[in-house]
Every structure is written in C-alpha cells, then in structure tokens.
C-alpha cells in the first residue's frame, strides 16, 4: 500500500495545464471517467483523511490495482453518469488533474 498525500498546488498546476489543452466539455467528461477508472479499484475505501483545517488530504492506494488503460466499454457508462451531473469545465479540470496526480504518485512509489 502507498499513502498519497494530495498536493493542492501541484493539482492546481495540473488543472491549469489541462485547461490550456483544446478539450471540449464532452472530451473532459471522458478524460475524467477514464482517470477515475484508472485509480478506482486501487483506492482503499474509507481512507481519505484530513488534518485540522482540511489542509492535508491523503488517500491510500494499492498500486498493484492501478489500471493503465480502462476499456472503452467501462469508460462510456461512467462518462454518461458524470455528464448527468453537469460538472463545470473548471471542476472537470480539477477532477482529472487530481486523479492523474494520485495515479502518478502511486505509480512512482513502486518504481
């Protein structure tokens, strides 16, 4: 297991970089669903913790269960569910960046 400490500054930088890419709202929903599926099965449930003030967030990940490329038939239904929630472009940038950060940190910890 790997404990990934979420770094809001790095995630914000990642979200900004994603915002500069020419993605439509639909493409961002797809990227969010894909990024979610890459980490979903590796997350240890109930282990998102915050210190007082909510400054530090951590998540425990089993890197062995990370998925490099989820199949399209799994991405599509999740993307449809996400689309029903009508997230803003800014939210999608953040959610994609956050999940990519978790994936990259967990992957780096085992290499």
Protein backbone atom coordinates (compact mmCIF):
# COMPACT_ATOMS: atom_id res chain seq x y z
CA UNK A 1 0.00 0.00 0.00
CA UNK A 2 1.06 3.55 -0.73
CA UNK A 3 -0.14 6.64 1.09
CA UNK A 4 -0.53 9.50 -1.39
CA UNK A 5 -0.63 12.97 0.10
CA UNK A 6 -2.64 15.21 -2.20
CA UNK A 7 -0.75 18.38 -3.04
CA UNK A 8 -3.31 21.05 -3.98
CA UNK A 9 -0.65 23.26 -5.55
CA UNK A 10 0.55 20.52 -7.89
CA UNK A 11 -3.04 19.52 -8.66
CA UNK A 12 -3.90 23.17 -9.37
CA UNK A 13 -0.91 23.35 -11.76
CA UNK A 14 -2.12 20.17 -13.45
CA UNK A 15 -5.65 21.55 -13.74
CA UNK A 16 -4.28 24.74 -15.27
CA UNK A 17 -2.25 22.74 -17.80
CA UNK A 18 -5.35 20.73 -18.73
CA UNK A 19 -7.33 23.97 -19.11
CA UNK A 20 -4.83 25.11 -21.74
CA UNK A 21 -5.40 21.98 -23.83
CA UNK A 22 -8.09 22.22 -26.53
CA UNK A 23 -10.67 19.88 -24.95
CA UNK A 24 -14.41 20.14 -25.31
CA UNK A 25 -16.67 19.57 -22.31
CA UNK A 26 -17.52 16.09 -23.63
CA UNK A 27 -13.84 15.22 -24.01
CA UNK A 28 -13.15 16.36 -20.45
CA UNK A 29 -16.01 14.22 -19.13
CA UNK A 30 -14.46 11.26 -20.96
CA UNK A 31 -10.99 12.06 -19.54
CA UNK A 32 -12.47 12.31 -16.05
CA UNK A 33 -14.20 8.94 -16.37
CA UNK A 34 -11.02 7.38 -17.73
CA UNK A 35 -8.86 8.88 -14.94
CA UNK A 36 -11.38 7.75 -12.32
CA UNK A 37 -11.32 4.17 -13.60
CA UNK A 38 -7.52 4.14 -13.62
CA UNK A 39 -7.46 4.56 -9.83
CA UNK A 40 -10.90 3.44 -8.65
CA UNK A 41 -10.11 -0.21 -7.94
CA UNK A 42 -6.81 0.68 -6.25
CA UNK A 43 -8.24 3.04 -3.62
CA UNK A 44 -8.54 1.68 -0.11
CA UNK A 45 -12.07 2.67 0.84
CA UNK A 46 -12.60 4.95 3.79
CA UNK A 47 -9.03 6.16 3.94
CA UNK A 48 -9.36 9.74 2.79
CA UNK A 49 -8.16 11.74 5.75
CA UNK A 50 -7.80 15.41 6.54
CA UNK A 51 -5.87 17.16 9.24
CA UNK A 52 -7.46 20.01 11.17
CA UNK A 53 -8.42 22.82 8.84
CA UNK A 54 -8.68 20.41 5.92
CA UNK A 55 -5.17 21.28 4.76
CA UNK A 56 -3.79 17.79 4.20
CA UNK A 57 -5.66 15.15 2.30
CA UNK A 58 -4.33 11.65 1.94
CA UNK A 59 -5.52 8.55 0.18
CA UNK A 60 -4.24 5.01 0.48
CA UNK A 61 -3.67 3.24 -2.82
CA UNK A 62 -2.77 -0.32 -3.73
CA UNK A 63 -0.51 0.36 -6.74
CA UNK A 64 -0.85 -3.21 -7.97
CA UNK A 65 -4.51 -2.50 -8.72
CA UNK A 66 -3.91 0.62 -10.84
CA UNK A 67 -5.27 0.31 -14.38
CA UNK A 68 -3.11 1.74 -17.16
CA UNK A 69 -5.91 1.91 -19.73
CA UNK A 70 -9.51 1.13 -18.79
CA UNK A 71 -11.56 -0.39 -21.61
CA UNK A 72 -13.89 1.88 -23.57
CA UNK A 73 -16.90 -0.23 -22.57
CA UNK A 74 -16.23 0.74 -18.94
CA UNK A 75 -15.41 4.39 -19.62
CA UNK A 76 -18.57 5.11 -21.64
CA UNK A 77 -21.18 4.33 -18.92
CA UNK A 78 -19.21 6.21 -16.26
CA UNK A 79 -18.84 9.19 -18.60
CA UNK A 80 -22.60 9.15 -19.15
CA UNK A 81 -23.20 9.20 -15.38
CA UNK A 82 -20.73 12.04 -14.91
CA UNK A 83 -22.36 14.02 -17.73
CA UNK A 84 -25.72 13.80 -15.94
CA UNK A 85 -24.14 15.70 -13.02
CA UNK A 86 -23.26 18.62 -15.35
CA UNK A 87 -19.86 19.47 -13.82
CA UNK A 88 -18.32 22.78 -14.88
CA UNK A 89 -15.22 22.92 -17.05
CA UNK A 90 -13.24 24.11 -14.01
CA UNK A 91 -14.45 21.13 -11.95
CA UNK A 92 -13.52 18.74 -14.75
CA UNK A 93 -10.03 20.23 -15.00
CA UNK A 94 -9.58 19.76 -11.25
CA UNK A 95 -11.03 16.24 -11.08
CA UNK A 96 -8.90 15.00 -13.99
CA UNK A 97 -5.76 16.60 -12.54
CA UNK A 98 -6.44 15.20 -9.07
CA UNK A 99 -6.90 11.65 -10.33
CA UNK A 100 -3.85 11.87 -12.57
CA UNK A 101 -1.84 13.10 -9.57
CA UNK A 102 -2.95 10.11 -7.48
CA UNK A 103 -2.16 7.70 -10.30
CA UNK A 104 1.28 9.21 -10.97
CA UNK A 105 2.25 9.36 -7.29
CA UNK A 106 1.18 5.78 -6.62
CA UNK A 107 2.94 4.53 -9.74
CA UNK A 108 6.14 6.42 -8.88
CA UNK A 109 6.17 4.97 -5.36
CA UNK A 110 6.57 1.43 -6.67
CA UNK A 111 9.18 2.14 -9.33
